[in-house]
């Protein structure tokens, strides 16, 4: 008996109120728009506070090959030399 009820097609809803939006939907959309505007405003404030570049002003010798350099590039004057040895502590 339960399978017969579940297998039945409920039919398409009809009537004068079918498909109309409620005022609650408009309220939800307005709240989402206000929240998005506040998030964009906050993000812009944070982005204005960032430095123009993240490169160090005075890089240390051990920072010669960092994330900003091309992998596998050897600086001029060091071709054929051994890689630097780690400093012992």
C-alpha atoms as a PDB file:
ATOM      1  CA  UNK A   1       0.000   0.000   0.000  1.00  0.00           C
ATOM      2  CA  UNK A   2       2.844   2.423   0.886  1.00  0.00           C
ATOM      3  CA  UNK A   3       4.651   1.746  -2.415  1.00  0.00           C
ATOM      4  CA  UNK A   4       1.522   2.632  -4.364  1.00  0.00           C
ATOM      5  CA  UNK A   5       1.290   6.009  -2.580  1.00  0.00           C
ATOM      6  CA  UNK A   6       4.965   6.752  -3.198  1.00  0.00           C
ATOM      7  CA  UNK A   7       4.754   5.781  -6.864  1.00  0.00           C
ATOM      8  CA  UNK A   8       1.826   8.084  -7.640  1.00  0.00           C
ATOM      9  CA  UNK A   9       2.536  11.349  -9.421  1.00  0.00           C
ATOM     10  CA  UNK A  10       1.289  14.149  -7.136  1.00  0.00           C
ATOM     11  CA  UNK A  11       0.169  16.249 -10.104  1.00  0.00           C
ATOM     12  CA  UNK A  12       1.209  19.760 -10.931  1.00  0.00           C
ATOM     13  CA  UNK A  13       0.031  22.430  -8.504  1.00  0.00           C
ATOM     14  CA  UNK A  14      -2.334  24.930 -10.027  1.00  0.00           C
ATOM     15  CA  UNK A  15      -4.385  27.863  -8.863  1.00  0.00           C
ATOM     16  CA  UNK A  16      -4.155  31.625  -8.630  1.00  0.00           C
ATOM     17  CA  UNK A  17      -1.366  31.564  -5.999  1.00  0.00           C
ATOM     18  CA  UNK A  18       0.926  29.095  -7.816  1.00  0.00           C
ATOM     19  CA  UNK A  19       4.284  30.584  -8.870  1.00  0.00           C
ATOM     20  CA  UNK A  20       4.007  33.865  -7.020  1.00  0.00           C
ATOM     21  CA  UNK A  21       6.869  35.049  -4.867  1.00  0.00           C
ATOM     22  CA  UNK A  22       6.341  36.096  -1.288  1.00  0.00           C
ATOM     23  CA  UNK A  23       7.620  39.349   0.249  1.00  0.00           C
ATOM     24  CA  UNK A  24       9.961  37.198   2.312  1.00  0.00           C
ATOM     25  CA  UNK A  25      11.886  36.358  -0.895  1.00  0.00           C
ATOM     26  CA  UNK A  26      12.460  40.044  -1.574  1.00  0.00           C
ATOM     27  CA  UNK A  27      13.691  40.518   1.979  1.00  0.00           C
ATOM     28  CA  UNK A  28      16.166  37.639   1.619  1.00  0.00           C
ATOM     29  CA  UNK A  29      17.513  39.092  -1.643  1.00  0.00           C
ATOM     30  CA  UNK A  30      17.916  42.556  -0.087  1.00  0.00           C
ATOM     31  CA  UNK A  31      19.751  41.120   2.932  1.00  0.00           C
ATOM     32  CA  UNK A  32      22.101  39.222   0.610  1.00  0.00           C
ATOM     33  CA  UNK A  33      22.788  42.351  -1.452  1.00  0.00           C
ATOM     34  CA  UNK A  34      23.553  44.430   1.651  1.00  0.00           C
ATOM     35  CA  UNK A  35      25.841  41.689   2.985  1.00  0.00           C
ATOM     36  CA  UNK A  36      27.670  41.482  -0.338  1.00  0.00           C
ATOM     37  CA  UNK A  37      28.124  45.273  -0.443  1.00  0.00           C
ATOM     38  CA  UNK A  38      29.570  45.255   3.091  1.00  0.00           C
ATOM     39  CA  UNK A  39      31.968  42.425   2.228  1.00  0.00           C
ATOM     40  CA  UNK A  40      33.192  44.239  -0.900  1.00  0.00           C
ATOM     41  CA  UNK A  41      33.711  47.441   1.095  1.00  0.00           C
ATOM     42  CA  UNK A  42      35.681  45.591   3.765  1.00  0.00           C
ATOM     43  CA  UNK A  43      37.790  43.799   1.154  1.00  0.00           C
ATOM     44  CA  UNK A  44      38.650  47.104  -0.546  1.00  0.00           C
ATOM     45  CA  UNK A  45      39.797  48.594   2.779  1.00  0.00           C
ATOM     46  CA  UNK A  46      42.079  45.606   3.370  1.00  0.00           C
ATOM     47  CA  UNK A  47      43.475  45.688  -0.170  1.00  0.00           C
ATOM     48  CA  UNK A  48      44.358  49.386   0.135  1.00  0.00           C
ATOM     49  CA  UNK A  49      46.468  48.581   3.191  1.00  0.00           C
ATOM     50  CA  UNK A  50      48.651  46.043   1.351  1.00  0.00           C
ATOM     51  CA  UNK A  51      52.107  47.059   0.134  1.00  0.00           C
ATOM     52  CA  UNK A  52      52.687  47.565  -3.606  1.00  0.00           C
ATOM     53  CA  UNK A  53      55.134  44.651  -3.689  1.00  0.00           C
ATOM     54  CA  UNK A  54      56.114  41.918  -1.256  1.00  0.00           C
ATOM     55  CA  UNK A  55      59.768  41.806  -2.276  1.00  0.00           C
ATOM     56  CA  UNK A  56      62.182  42.454   0.593  1.00  0.00           C
ATOM     57  CA  UNK A  57      63.964  45.817   0.481  1.00  0.00           C
ATOM     58  CA  UNK A  58      67.327  44.383   1.537  1.00  0.00           C
ATOM     59  CA  UNK A  59      67.392  40.647   0.768  1.00  0.00           C
ATOM     60  CA  UNK A  60      69.827  38.552   2.715  1.00  0.00           C
ATOM     61  CA  UNK A  61      72.375  36.465   0.754  1.00  0.00           C
ATOM     62  CA  UNK A  62      70.448  33.260   1.481  1.00  0.00           C
ATOM     63  CA  UNK A  63      67.310  34.765  -0.115  1.00  0.00           C
ATOM     64  CA  UNK A  64      68.927  35.067  -3.537  1.00  0.00           C
ATOM     65  CA  UNK A  65      66.756  32.309  -5.041  1.00  0.00           C
ATOM     66  CA  UNK A  66      63.268  32.727  -3.643  1.00  0.00           C
ATOM     67  CA  UNK A  67      59.764  32.089  -4.983  1.00  0.00           C
ATOM     68  CA  UNK A  68      59.995  35.057  -7.349  1.00  0.00           C
ATOM     69  CA  UNK A  69      62.878  33.689  -9.426  1.00  0.00           C
ATOM     70  CA  UNK A  70      62.613  31.283 -12.320  1.00  0.00           C
ATOM     71  CA  UNK A  71      63.401  27.690 -11.345  1.00  0.00           C
ATOM     72  CA  UNK A  72      66.719  26.434 -12.680  1.00  0.00           C
ATOM     73  CA  UNK A  73      68.194  29.867 -13.394  1.00  0.00           C
ATOM     74  CA  UNK A  74      71.784  30.310 -12.291  1.00  0.00           C
ATOM     75  CA  UNK A  75      72.793  33.880 -11.399  1.00  0.00           C
ATOM     76  CA  UNK A  76      75.674  35.381 -13.421  1.00  0.00           C
ATOM     77  CA  UNK A  77      79.161  34.631 -12.147  1.00  0.00           C
ATOM     78  CA  UNK A  78      78.295  31.327 -10.472  1.00  0.00           C
ATOM     79  CA  UNK A  79      78.333  28.983 -13.493  1.00  0.00           C
ATOM     80  CA  UNK A  80      80.208  25.816 -12.737  1.00  0.00           C
ATOM     81  CA  UNK A  81      80.629  26.500  -9.041  1.00  0.00           C
ATOM     82  CA  UNK A  82      79.407  24.241  -6.302  1.00  0.00           C
ATOM     83  CA  UNK A  83      76.170  25.125  -4.524  1.00  0.00           C
ATOM     84  CA  UNK A  84      76.618  26.997  -1.228  1.00  0.00           C
ATOM     85  CA  UNK A  85      77.185  24.874   1.849  1.00  0.00           C
ATOM     86  CA  UNK A  86      74.768  25.216   4.764  1.00  0.00           C
ATOM     87  CA  UNK A  87      76.160  27.143   7.711  1.00  0.00           C
ATOM     88  CA  UNK A  88      77.045  24.966  10.662  1.00  0.00           C
ATOM     89  CA  UNK A  89      75.622  25.932  14.012  1.00  0.00           C
END
